[in-house]
N, C-alpha and C. Protein backbone atom coordinates (compact mmCIF):
# COMPACT_ATOMS: atom_id res chain seq x y z
N MET A 1 0.84 -1.19 0.00
CA MET A 1 0.00 0.00 0.00
C MET A 1 0.89 1.25 0.00
N THR A 2 0.42 2.25 -0.70
CA THR A 2 1.10 3.55 -0.75
C THR A 2 0.22 4.55 -0.04
N GLU A 3 0.81 5.30 0.87
CA GLU A 3 0.07 6.32 1.63
C GLU A 3 0.49 7.69 1.11
N ILE A 4 -0.49 8.53 0.79
CA ILE A 4 -0.18 9.89 0.35
C ILE A 4 -0.95 10.88 1.20
N TYR A 5 -0.21 11.84 1.75
CA TYR A 5 -0.80 12.97 2.48
C TYR A 5 -0.71 14.18 1.57
N PHE A 6 -1.84 14.54 0.98
CA PHE A 6 -1.90 15.76 0.17
C PHE A 6 -2.08 16.93 1.11
N VAL A 7 -1.24 17.95 0.96
CA VAL A 7 -1.29 19.13 1.83
C VAL A 7 -1.68 20.33 0.98
N ARG A 8 -2.90 20.82 1.20
CA ARG A 8 -3.27 22.06 0.55
C ARG A 8 -2.48 23.17 1.24
N HIS A 9 -1.92 24.07 0.45
CA HIS A 9 -1.04 25.11 0.98
C HIS A 9 -1.71 25.95 2.07
N CYS A 10 -0.89 26.57 2.88
CA CYS A 10 -1.36 27.49 3.92
C CYS A 10 -1.85 28.79 3.28
N GLU A 11 -2.34 29.71 4.12
CA GLU A 11 -2.91 30.97 3.63
C GLU A 11 -1.89 31.75 2.80
N SER A 12 -2.33 32.13 1.59
CA SER A 12 -1.44 32.88 0.70
C SER A 12 -1.91 34.33 0.56
N ASP A 13 -1.01 35.15 0.08
CA ASP A 13 -1.25 36.59 -0.06
C ASP A 13 -1.93 36.88 -1.40
N HIS A 14 -3.25 37.05 -1.37
CA HIS A 14 -4.03 37.26 -2.60
C HIS A 14 -3.86 38.65 -3.21
N THR A 15 -3.12 39.53 -2.55
CA THR A 15 -2.82 40.81 -3.19
C THR A 15 -1.72 40.63 -4.23
N HIS A 16 -1.03 39.51 -4.15
CA HIS A 16 0.03 39.16 -5.10
C HIS A 16 -0.62 38.34 -6.22
N ARG A 17 -0.71 38.89 -7.42
CA ARG A 17 -1.49 38.27 -8.48
C ARG A 17 -0.75 37.26 -9.34
N ASP A 18 0.54 37.15 -9.19
CA ASP A 18 1.27 36.14 -9.97
C ASP A 18 1.13 34.80 -9.27
N ASP A 19 0.44 33.88 -9.93
CA ASP A 19 0.12 32.59 -9.31
C ASP A 19 1.36 31.79 -8.92
N CYS A 20 2.40 31.85 -9.74
CA CYS A 20 3.61 31.05 -9.50
C CYS A 20 4.41 31.54 -8.31
N THR A 21 4.41 32.85 -8.08
CA THR A 21 5.27 33.43 -7.04
C THR A 21 4.48 33.98 -5.85
N ARG A 22 3.18 33.71 -5.78
CA ARG A 22 2.37 34.20 -4.65
C ARG A 22 2.88 33.56 -3.36
N PRO A 23 3.31 34.38 -2.39
CA PRO A 23 3.86 33.85 -1.14
C PRO A 23 2.76 33.58 -0.11
N LEU A 24 3.16 32.93 0.96
CA LEU A 24 2.28 32.79 2.11
C LEU A 24 2.24 34.10 2.89
N THR A 25 1.14 34.31 3.59
CA THR A 25 1.06 35.43 4.53
C THR A 25 1.86 35.07 5.77
N ASP A 26 2.01 36.01 6.69
CA ASP A 26 2.66 35.70 7.97
C ASP A 26 1.90 34.59 8.69
N LYS A 27 0.57 34.65 8.67
CA LYS A 27 -0.25 33.59 9.27
C LYS A 27 0.05 32.26 8.59
N GLY A 28 0.12 32.26 7.27
CA GLY A 28 0.42 31.05 6.53
C GLY A 28 1.77 30.45 6.91
N LEU A 29 2.78 31.31 7.03
CA LEU A 29 4.10 30.84 7.44
C LEU A 29 4.07 30.23 8.84
N ASN A 30 3.32 30.86 9.74
CA ASN A 30 3.16 30.30 11.09
C ASN A 30 2.41 28.97 11.05
N ASP A 31 1.36 28.89 10.21
CA ASP A 31 0.56 27.67 10.11
C ASP A 31 1.35 26.52 9.49
N SER A 32 2.41 26.82 8.75
CA SER A 32 3.22 25.74 8.18
C SER A 32 3.84 24.89 9.28
N LYS A 33 4.01 25.45 10.46
CA LYS A 33 4.52 24.69 11.60
C LYS A 33 3.48 23.67 12.08
N ILE A 34 2.19 23.99 11.89
CA ILE A 34 1.12 23.05 12.23
C ILE A 34 1.14 21.87 11.26
N VAL A 35 1.47 22.15 10.00
CA VAL A 35 1.64 21.08 9.02
C VAL A 35 2.76 20.14 9.48
N THR A 36 3.88 20.71 9.91
CA THR A 36 4.99 19.90 10.40
C THR A 36 4.56 19.04 11.58
N GLU A 37 3.85 19.64 12.52
CA GLU A 37 3.39 18.88 13.69
C GLU A 37 2.51 17.71 13.28
N TYR A 38 1.64 17.93 12.30
CA TYR A 38 0.76 16.86 11.85
C TYR A 38 1.55 15.74 11.14
N LEU A 39 2.47 16.11 10.27
CA LEU A 39 3.19 15.13 9.46
C LEU A 39 4.32 14.42 10.18
N ARG A 40 4.81 14.97 11.27
CA ARG A 40 6.05 14.49 11.88
C ARG A 40 6.04 13.02 12.29
N ASP A 41 4.88 12.46 12.64
CA ASP A 41 4.85 11.06 13.06
C ASP A 41 4.19 10.14 12.04
N LYS A 42 4.09 10.60 10.80
CA LYS A 42 3.41 9.82 9.75
C LYS A 42 4.37 8.94 8.94
N GLY A 43 5.65 9.01 9.22
CA GLY A 43 6.61 8.16 8.51
C GLY A 43 6.82 8.58 7.06
N ILE A 44 6.74 9.87 6.81
CA ILE A 44 6.91 10.39 5.44
C ILE A 44 8.31 10.05 4.94
N GLU A 45 8.38 9.46 3.75
CA GLU A 45 9.65 9.07 3.14
C GLU A 45 10.00 9.90 1.92
N VAL A 46 8.98 10.52 1.32
CA VAL A 46 9.16 11.30 0.09
C VAL A 46 8.36 12.58 0.24
N LEU A 47 8.96 13.71 -0.14
CA LEU A 47 8.30 15.01 -0.03
C LEU A 47 8.28 15.67 -1.41
N LEU A 48 7.07 15.83 -1.94
CA LEU A 48 6.87 16.42 -3.26
C LEU A 48 6.06 17.71 -3.12
N SER A 49 6.15 18.55 -4.14
CA SER A 49 5.41 19.80 -4.12
C SER A 49 5.16 20.30 -5.53
N SER A 50 4.08 21.02 -5.68
CA SER A 50 3.89 21.87 -6.84
C SER A 50 5.08 22.83 -6.86
N PRO A 51 5.45 23.36 -8.02
CA PRO A 51 6.58 24.29 -8.06
C PRO A 51 6.22 25.71 -7.59
N TYR A 52 4.98 25.96 -7.24
CA TYR A 52 4.57 27.31 -6.83
C TYR A 52 5.10 27.64 -5.44
N LEU A 53 5.46 28.89 -5.25
CA LEU A 53 6.09 29.33 -4.00
C LEU A 53 5.26 28.97 -2.77
N ARG A 54 3.96 29.21 -2.80
CA ARG A 54 3.14 29.00 -1.60
C ARG A 54 3.11 27.53 -1.15
N THR A 55 3.19 26.59 -2.10
CA THR A 55 3.20 25.18 -1.70
C THR A 55 4.57 24.80 -1.13
N ILE A 56 5.62 25.29 -1.76
CA ILE A 56 6.97 25.02 -1.26
C ILE A 56 7.13 25.60 0.15
N GLN A 57 6.66 26.83 0.36
CA GLN A 57 6.76 27.44 1.68
C GLN A 57 5.95 26.65 2.72
N THR A 58 4.85 26.04 2.30
CA THR A 58 4.00 25.28 3.22
C THR A 58 4.73 24.08 3.81
N VAL A 59 5.63 23.45 3.03
CA VAL A 59 6.32 22.25 3.53
C VAL A 59 7.80 22.47 3.81
N THR A 60 8.28 23.69 3.71
CA THR A 60 9.70 23.95 3.98
C THR A 60 10.05 23.63 5.43
N ASP A 61 9.21 24.02 6.39
CA ASP A 61 9.49 23.73 7.80
C ASP A 61 9.56 22.21 8.01
N PHE A 62 8.64 21.46 7.39
CA PHE A 62 8.68 20.00 7.50
C PHE A 62 9.93 19.43 6.85
N SER A 63 10.33 19.99 5.73
CA SER A 63 11.56 19.55 5.05
C SER A 63 12.76 19.70 5.97
N LEU A 64 12.84 20.83 6.64
CA LEU A 64 13.95 21.07 7.57
C LEU A 64 13.89 20.10 8.74
N TYR A 65 12.69 19.87 9.26
CA TYR A 65 12.51 18.95 10.39
C TYR A 65 12.90 17.52 10.01
N SER A 66 12.40 17.07 8.84
CA SER A 66 12.54 15.66 8.45
C SER A 66 13.83 15.37 7.68
N HIS A 67 14.52 16.42 7.25
CA HIS A 67 15.72 16.28 6.41
C HIS A 67 15.40 15.67 5.05
N LEU A 68 14.16 15.86 4.60
CA LEU A 68 13.75 15.41 3.27
C LEU A 68 13.82 16.58 2.31
N LYS A 69 14.41 16.34 1.15
CA LYS A 69 14.47 17.37 0.11
C LYS A 69 13.09 17.49 -0.54
N ILE A 70 12.69 18.73 -0.83
CA ILE A 70 11.42 18.96 -1.53
C ILE A 70 11.67 18.77 -3.02
N GLU A 71 11.01 17.79 -3.59
CA GLU A 71 11.11 17.53 -5.02
C GLU A 71 9.87 18.16 -5.69
N THR A 72 10.09 19.12 -6.57
CA THR A 72 8.95 19.76 -7.23
C THR A 72 8.51 18.95 -8.45
N ARG A 73 7.21 18.93 -8.63
CA ARG A 73 6.59 18.27 -9.78
C ARG A 73 5.65 19.28 -10.44
N ASP A 74 6.02 19.70 -11.62
CA ASP A 74 5.29 20.75 -12.31
C ASP A 74 3.81 20.42 -12.49
N ASP A 75 3.49 19.18 -12.77
CA ASP A 75 2.10 18.85 -13.08
C ASP A 75 1.17 18.85 -11.87
N PHE A 76 1.70 19.07 -10.67
CA PHE A 76 0.85 19.25 -9.49
C PHE A 76 0.49 20.73 -9.27
N HIS A 77 0.84 21.61 -10.23
CA HIS A 77 0.53 23.02 -10.04
C HIS A 77 -0.97 23.27 -10.13
N GLU A 78 -1.37 24.45 -9.71
CA GLU A 78 -2.78 24.83 -9.68
C GLU A 78 -3.34 24.97 -11.08
N VAL A 79 -4.65 25.00 -11.15
CA VAL A 79 -5.35 25.17 -12.43
C VAL A 79 -4.85 26.43 -13.13
N VAL A 80 -4.70 26.34 -14.43
CA VAL A 80 -4.36 27.52 -15.22
C VAL A 80 -5.68 28.21 -15.55
N VAL A 81 -5.91 29.36 -14.93
CA VAL A 81 -7.16 30.09 -15.11
C VAL A 81 -7.14 30.90 -16.40
N GLY A 82 -5.99 31.35 -16.80
CA GLY A 82 -5.87 32.25 -17.95
C GLY A 82 -5.65 33.65 -17.42
N GLU A 83 -6.63 34.51 -17.57
CA GLU A 83 -6.55 35.86 -17.04
C GLU A 83 -7.08 35.90 -15.61
N TRP A 84 -6.66 36.92 -14.85
CA TRP A 84 -7.12 37.10 -13.47
C TRP A 84 -8.64 37.14 -13.44
N VAL A 85 -9.25 36.44 -12.48
CA VAL A 85 -10.69 36.37 -12.35
C VAL A 85 -11.10 37.19 -11.13
N ASP A 86 -11.91 38.24 -11.36
CA ASP A 86 -12.36 39.07 -10.24
C ASP A 86 -13.47 38.39 -9.44
N ASP A 87 -14.40 37.71 -10.12
CA ASP A 87 -15.49 37.01 -9.44
C ASP A 87 -15.15 35.51 -9.41
N PHE A 88 -14.32 35.16 -8.44
CA PHE A 88 -13.81 33.80 -8.37
C PHE A 88 -14.92 32.78 -8.14
N MET A 89 -15.92 33.13 -7.34
CA MET A 89 -17.00 32.17 -7.06
C MET A 89 -17.81 31.87 -8.31
N ALA A 90 -18.10 32.87 -9.13
CA ALA A 90 -18.82 32.62 -10.38
C ALA A 90 -17.99 31.73 -11.29
N TYR A 91 -16.70 32.01 -11.35
CA TYR A 91 -15.79 31.18 -12.14
C TYR A 91 -15.84 29.74 -11.65
N CYS A 92 -15.76 29.53 -10.35
CA CYS A 92 -15.75 28.18 -9.78
C CYS A 92 -17.05 27.44 -10.10
N HIS A 93 -18.16 28.12 -9.99
CA HIS A 93 -19.44 27.46 -10.30
C HIS A 93 -19.47 27.04 -11.77
N ASN A 94 -19.04 27.90 -12.67
CA ASN A 94 -18.97 27.52 -14.09
C ASN A 94 -18.04 26.32 -14.28
N TYR A 95 -16.92 26.37 -13.61
CA TYR A 95 -15.88 25.35 -13.74
C TYR A 95 -16.38 23.98 -13.29
N TRP A 96 -17.04 23.96 -12.13
CA TRP A 96 -17.53 22.69 -11.57
C TRP A 96 -18.79 22.19 -12.27
N ASN A 97 -19.60 23.09 -12.77
CA ASN A 97 -20.84 22.68 -13.43
C ASN A 97 -20.63 22.19 -14.86
N ASN A 98 -19.51 22.55 -15.47
CA ASN A 98 -19.22 22.14 -16.84
C ASN A 98 -17.72 21.86 -16.92
N PHE A 99 -17.34 20.58 -16.88
CA PHE A 99 -15.93 20.21 -16.84
C PHE A 99 -15.18 20.57 -18.12
N ASP A 100 -15.91 21.02 -19.16
CA ASP A 100 -15.27 21.49 -20.38
C ASP A 100 -15.06 23.01 -20.38
N PHE A 101 -15.65 23.72 -19.40
CA PHE A 101 -15.55 25.18 -19.32
C PHE A 101 -14.10 25.59 -19.09
N ARG A 102 -13.69 26.64 -19.79
CA ARG A 102 -12.36 27.20 -19.56
C ARG A 102 -12.33 28.63 -20.07
N ASN A 103 -11.52 29.44 -19.40
CA ASN A 103 -11.24 30.78 -19.90
C ASN A 103 -10.26 30.69 -21.06
N GLU A 104 -10.21 31.75 -21.85
CA GLU A 104 -9.20 31.79 -22.90
C GLU A 104 -7.82 31.68 -22.24
N LYS A 105 -6.97 30.86 -22.79
CA LYS A 105 -5.62 30.58 -22.29
C LYS A 105 -5.63 29.82 -20.96
N GLY A 106 -6.80 29.33 -20.54
CA GLY A 106 -6.90 28.54 -19.32
C GLY A 106 -7.09 27.08 -19.64
N GLU A 107 -7.29 26.28 -18.58
CA GLU A 107 -7.54 24.86 -18.79
C GLU A 107 -8.87 24.48 -18.15
N SER A 108 -9.50 23.46 -18.69
CA SER A 108 -10.78 22.98 -18.17
C SER A 108 -10.54 22.06 -16.97
N MET A 109 -11.62 21.74 -16.27
CA MET A 109 -11.53 20.79 -15.16
C MET A 109 -11.04 19.44 -15.68
N TYR A 110 -11.51 19.02 -16.84
CA TYR A 110 -11.02 17.76 -17.40
C TYR A 110 -9.51 17.81 -17.63
N GLU A 111 -9.01 18.91 -18.17
CA GLU A 111 -7.57 19.04 -18.42
C GLU A 111 -6.78 19.06 -17.11
N LEU A 112 -7.28 19.82 -16.13
CA LEU A 112 -6.63 19.88 -14.82
C LEU A 112 -6.59 18.50 -14.18
N GLN A 113 -7.73 17.83 -14.19
CA GLN A 113 -7.83 16.52 -13.56
C GLN A 113 -6.90 15.51 -14.24
N LYS A 114 -6.88 15.50 -15.56
CA LYS A 114 -6.02 14.58 -16.30
C LYS A 114 -4.55 14.84 -15.99
N ARG A 115 -4.15 16.10 -15.98
CA ARG A 115 -2.76 16.46 -15.68
C ARG A 115 -2.36 15.97 -14.30
N ASN A 116 -3.22 16.22 -13.31
CA ASN A 116 -2.91 15.83 -11.93
C ASN A 116 -2.93 14.31 -11.75
N ILE A 117 -3.90 13.63 -12.33
CA ILE A 117 -3.98 12.18 -12.18
C ILE A 117 -2.84 11.50 -12.92
N ASP A 118 -2.48 11.99 -14.09
CA ASP A 118 -1.33 11.42 -14.80
C ASP A 118 -0.07 11.53 -13.95
N GLU A 119 0.15 12.70 -13.32
CA GLU A 119 1.34 12.87 -12.46
C GLU A 119 1.24 11.98 -11.23
N LEU A 120 0.06 11.91 -10.65
CA LEU A 120 -0.13 11.05 -9.48
C LEU A 120 0.17 9.59 -9.83
N ASN A 121 -0.27 9.14 -10.99
CA ASN A 121 0.03 7.76 -11.40
C ASN A 121 1.53 7.53 -11.58
N ARG A 122 2.24 8.53 -12.08
CA ARG A 122 3.70 8.42 -12.17
C ARG A 122 4.32 8.29 -10.78
N VAL A 123 3.83 9.09 -9.83
CA VAL A 123 4.33 9.05 -8.45
C VAL A 123 4.01 7.69 -7.82
N LEU A 124 2.80 7.19 -8.03
CA LEU A 124 2.42 5.90 -7.46
C LEU A 124 3.30 4.76 -7.98
N LYS A 125 3.68 4.84 -9.23
CA LYS A 125 4.56 3.81 -9.82
C LYS A 125 5.99 3.97 -9.29
N GLU A 126 6.47 5.21 -9.26
CA GLU A 126 7.85 5.49 -8.85
C GLU A 126 8.10 5.20 -7.36
N TYR A 127 7.11 5.49 -6.53
CA TYR A 127 7.28 5.38 -5.08
C TYR A 127 6.31 4.38 -4.46
N GLU A 128 6.01 3.32 -5.19
CA GLU A 128 5.07 2.31 -4.70
C GLU A 128 5.50 1.80 -3.32
N GLY A 129 4.52 1.73 -2.41
CA GLY A 129 4.76 1.22 -1.06
C GLY A 129 5.34 2.23 -0.10
N LYS A 130 5.57 3.45 -0.55
CA LYS A 130 6.14 4.50 0.30
C LYS A 130 5.03 5.34 0.95
N THR A 131 5.44 6.16 1.90
CA THR A 131 4.56 7.15 2.51
C THR A 131 5.04 8.51 2.03
N ILE A 132 4.15 9.25 1.39
CA ILE A 132 4.51 10.45 0.63
C ILE A 132 3.68 11.63 1.11
N ALA A 133 4.27 12.81 1.15
CA ALA A 133 3.54 14.05 1.34
C ALA A 133 3.67 14.86 0.06
N ILE A 134 2.54 15.41 -0.41
CA ILE A 134 2.53 16.22 -1.63
C ILE A 134 1.86 17.55 -1.33
N ALA A 135 2.60 18.64 -1.44
CA ALA A 135 2.04 19.98 -1.25
C ALA A 135 1.41 20.42 -2.56
N THR A 136 0.14 20.81 -2.48
CA THR A 136 -0.61 21.15 -3.69
C THR A 136 -1.60 22.27 -3.41
N HIS A 137 -2.60 22.38 -4.26
CA HIS A 137 -3.53 23.50 -4.28
C HIS A 137 -4.97 23.02 -4.18
N GLY A 138 -5.86 23.95 -3.83
CA GLY A 138 -7.26 23.60 -3.62
C GLY A 138 -7.97 23.03 -4.83
N MET A 139 -7.88 23.70 -5.98
CA MET A 139 -8.57 23.21 -7.17
C MET A 139 -7.91 21.93 -7.68
N ALA A 140 -6.58 21.89 -7.67
CA ALA A 140 -5.86 20.69 -8.12
C ALA A 140 -6.22 19.49 -7.24
N LEU A 141 -6.17 19.67 -5.93
CA LEU A 141 -6.50 18.59 -5.01
C LEU A 141 -7.96 18.17 -5.17
N SER A 142 -8.85 19.14 -5.30
CA SER A 142 -10.27 18.82 -5.47
C SER A 142 -10.52 18.02 -6.74
N SER A 143 -9.78 18.32 -7.79
CA SER A 143 -9.96 17.57 -9.03
C SER A 143 -9.55 16.11 -8.84
N MET A 144 -8.52 15.87 -8.02
CA MET A 144 -8.09 14.50 -7.75
C MET A 144 -9.09 13.76 -6.87
N ILE A 145 -9.61 14.44 -5.85
CA ILE A 145 -10.62 13.81 -5.00
C ILE A 145 -11.82 13.44 -5.87
N ASN A 146 -12.27 14.38 -6.72
CA ASN A 146 -13.42 14.13 -7.59
C ASN A 146 -13.19 12.94 -8.52
N TYR A 147 -11.98 12.76 -8.98
CA TYR A 147 -11.66 11.63 -9.87
C TYR A 147 -11.96 10.30 -9.18
N TYR A 148 -11.58 10.18 -7.90
CA TYR A 148 -11.79 8.94 -7.15
C TYR A 148 -13.14 8.89 -6.46
N ASP A 149 -13.73 10.05 -6.21
CA ASP A 149 -15.04 10.13 -5.57
C ASP A 149 -15.87 11.19 -6.30
N PRO A 150 -16.59 10.78 -7.36
CA PRO A 150 -17.34 11.74 -8.18
C PRO A 150 -18.42 12.51 -7.42
N SER A 151 -18.77 12.08 -6.20
CA SER A 151 -19.75 12.84 -5.42
C SER A 151 -19.15 14.13 -4.86
N TYR A 152 -17.81 14.23 -4.85
CA TYR A 152 -17.13 15.45 -4.39
C TYR A 152 -17.31 16.51 -5.48
N GLY A 153 -18.02 17.59 -5.15
CA GLY A 153 -18.33 18.60 -6.16
C GLY A 153 -18.18 20.02 -5.66
N ILE A 154 -18.92 20.92 -6.27
CA ILE A 154 -18.78 22.35 -6.00
C ILE A 154 -19.03 22.69 -4.54
N ASN A 155 -20.02 22.07 -3.90
CA ASN A 155 -20.30 22.40 -2.50
C ASN A 155 -19.14 21.98 -1.59
N ASP A 156 -18.54 20.84 -1.88
CA ASP A 156 -17.37 20.40 -1.11
C ASP A 156 -16.20 21.36 -1.34
N PHE A 157 -16.01 21.74 -2.60
CA PHE A 157 -14.93 22.66 -2.94
C PHE A 157 -15.10 24.00 -2.21
N VAL A 158 -16.32 24.55 -2.25
CA VAL A 158 -16.58 25.84 -1.59
C VAL A 158 -16.33 25.71 -0.08
N GLY A 159 -16.73 24.59 0.50
CA GLY A 159 -16.49 24.36 1.93
C GLY A 159 -15.02 24.26 2.27
N MET A 160 -14.21 23.82 1.31
CA MET A 160 -12.78 23.67 1.52
C MET A 160 -12.02 24.98 1.37
N LEU A 161 -12.60 25.96 0.68
CA LEU A 161 -11.85 27.18 0.34
C LEU A 161 -11.22 27.88 1.53
N ARG A 162 -11.85 27.86 2.68
CA ARG A 162 -11.30 28.55 3.86
C ARG A 162 -10.31 27.67 4.64
N LYS A 163 -10.12 26.46 4.19
CA LYS A 163 -9.26 25.52 4.91
C LYS A 163 -7.84 25.60 4.35
N THR A 164 -7.05 26.44 4.97
CA THR A 164 -5.64 26.56 4.60
C THR A 164 -4.83 26.53 5.89
N PRO A 165 -4.06 25.53 6.13
CA PRO A 165 -3.84 24.36 5.30
C PRO A 165 -4.95 23.33 5.49
N TRP A 166 -4.92 22.32 4.66
CA TRP A 166 -5.88 21.22 4.72
C TRP A 166 -5.16 19.97 4.25
N ILE A 167 -5.47 18.84 4.86
CA ILE A 167 -4.81 17.57 4.53
C ILE A 167 -5.85 16.57 4.03
N VAL A 168 -5.49 15.85 2.99
CA VAL A 168 -6.29 14.72 2.52
C VAL A 168 -5.34 13.52 2.46
N HIS A 169 -5.69 12.48 3.20
CA HIS A 169 -4.88 11.26 3.27
C HIS A 169 -5.54 10.22 2.39
N MET A 170 -4.81 9.74 1.39
CA MET A 170 -5.32 8.70 0.50
C MET A 170 -4.42 7.47 0.59
N THR A 171 -5.07 6.32 0.55
CA THR A 171 -4.37 5.04 0.56
C THR A 171 -4.59 4.37 -0.78
N PHE A 172 -3.50 3.89 -1.39
CA PHE A 172 -3.56 3.28 -2.71
C PHE A 172 -3.00 1.86 -2.68
N ASP A 173 -3.64 0.99 -3.44
CA ASP A 173 -3.10 -0.32 -3.77
C ASP A 173 -2.78 -0.25 -5.25
N LYS A 174 -1.48 -0.16 -5.57
CA LYS A 174 -1.03 0.15 -6.94
C LYS A 174 -1.62 1.52 -7.32
N ASP A 175 -2.46 1.58 -8.37
CA ASP A 175 -3.07 2.87 -8.75
C ASP A 175 -4.54 2.96 -8.36
N LYS A 176 -5.00 2.05 -7.51
CA LYS A 176 -6.40 2.04 -7.06
C LYS A 176 -6.51 2.71 -5.70
N CYS A 177 -7.32 3.76 -5.64
CA CYS A 177 -7.53 4.47 -4.37
C CYS A 177 -8.47 3.63 -3.50
N LYS A 178 -8.01 3.26 -2.33
CA LYS A 178 -8.77 2.42 -1.41
C LYS A 178 -9.47 3.22 -0.31
N LYS A 179 -8.91 4.41 0.00
CA LYS A 179 -9.46 5.17 1.13
C LYS A 179 -9.12 6.64 0.94
N ILE A 180 -10.08 7.50 1.26
CA ILE A 180 -9.86 8.94 1.26
C ILE A 180 -10.31 9.47 2.63
N GLU A 181 -9.40 10.12 3.33
CA GLU A 181 -9.71 10.70 4.64
C GLU A 181 -9.36 12.19 4.59
N LYS A 182 -10.35 13.03 4.85
CA LYS A 182 -10.13 14.48 4.86
C LYS A 182 -9.86 14.90 6.30
N VAL A 183 -8.78 15.66 6.50
CA VAL A 183 -8.32 16.00 7.85
C VAL A 183 -8.25 17.52 8.00
N ASP A 184 -9.04 18.05 8.92
CA ASP A 184 -8.95 19.47 9.26
C ASP A 184 -7.91 19.60 10.38
N ILE A 185 -6.79 20.23 10.08
CA ILE A 185 -5.74 20.33 11.10
C ILE A 185 -5.76 21.68 11.82
N ILE A 186 -6.59 22.58 11.35
CA ILE A 186 -6.74 23.89 12.03
C ILE A 186 -8.20 24.07 12.38
């Protein structure tokens, strides 16, 4: 069995509009220590992250504690929205209600989900039988949960939006998800 702890990043600074370099807030940096406290006794052997700054910052304290190097995986990055969206909730409703919906220069839920699941399958093959932590994003993580549990939808996503950080523990037998446990650590 392979155990994966998906870590949704801590609170980020939404005044910073560049998705790749958006940092954590001071609260987010402090909350990253709560992530470390949660993960410290889980036997994590591999530490992966989206390449975005806020996810890397979320697990940096754990990396220092565990002496595990953070390996970035580009395909775990957040959804490509295209242009900045002022009404994020309207965008999310369109996105979840129509998996083909996308902004110009953005990606659809189907594209996001395929990208994330393809990368997850590579990780499951490469690190079979290991215990892994993966720092990721709300929409990306939600797309993966939805893939294994299609009942997870817009209402679950909206409920998760205020949860930074948030942990989802999944257990896999090869590439088959056997268990999904959602963990509120704050």
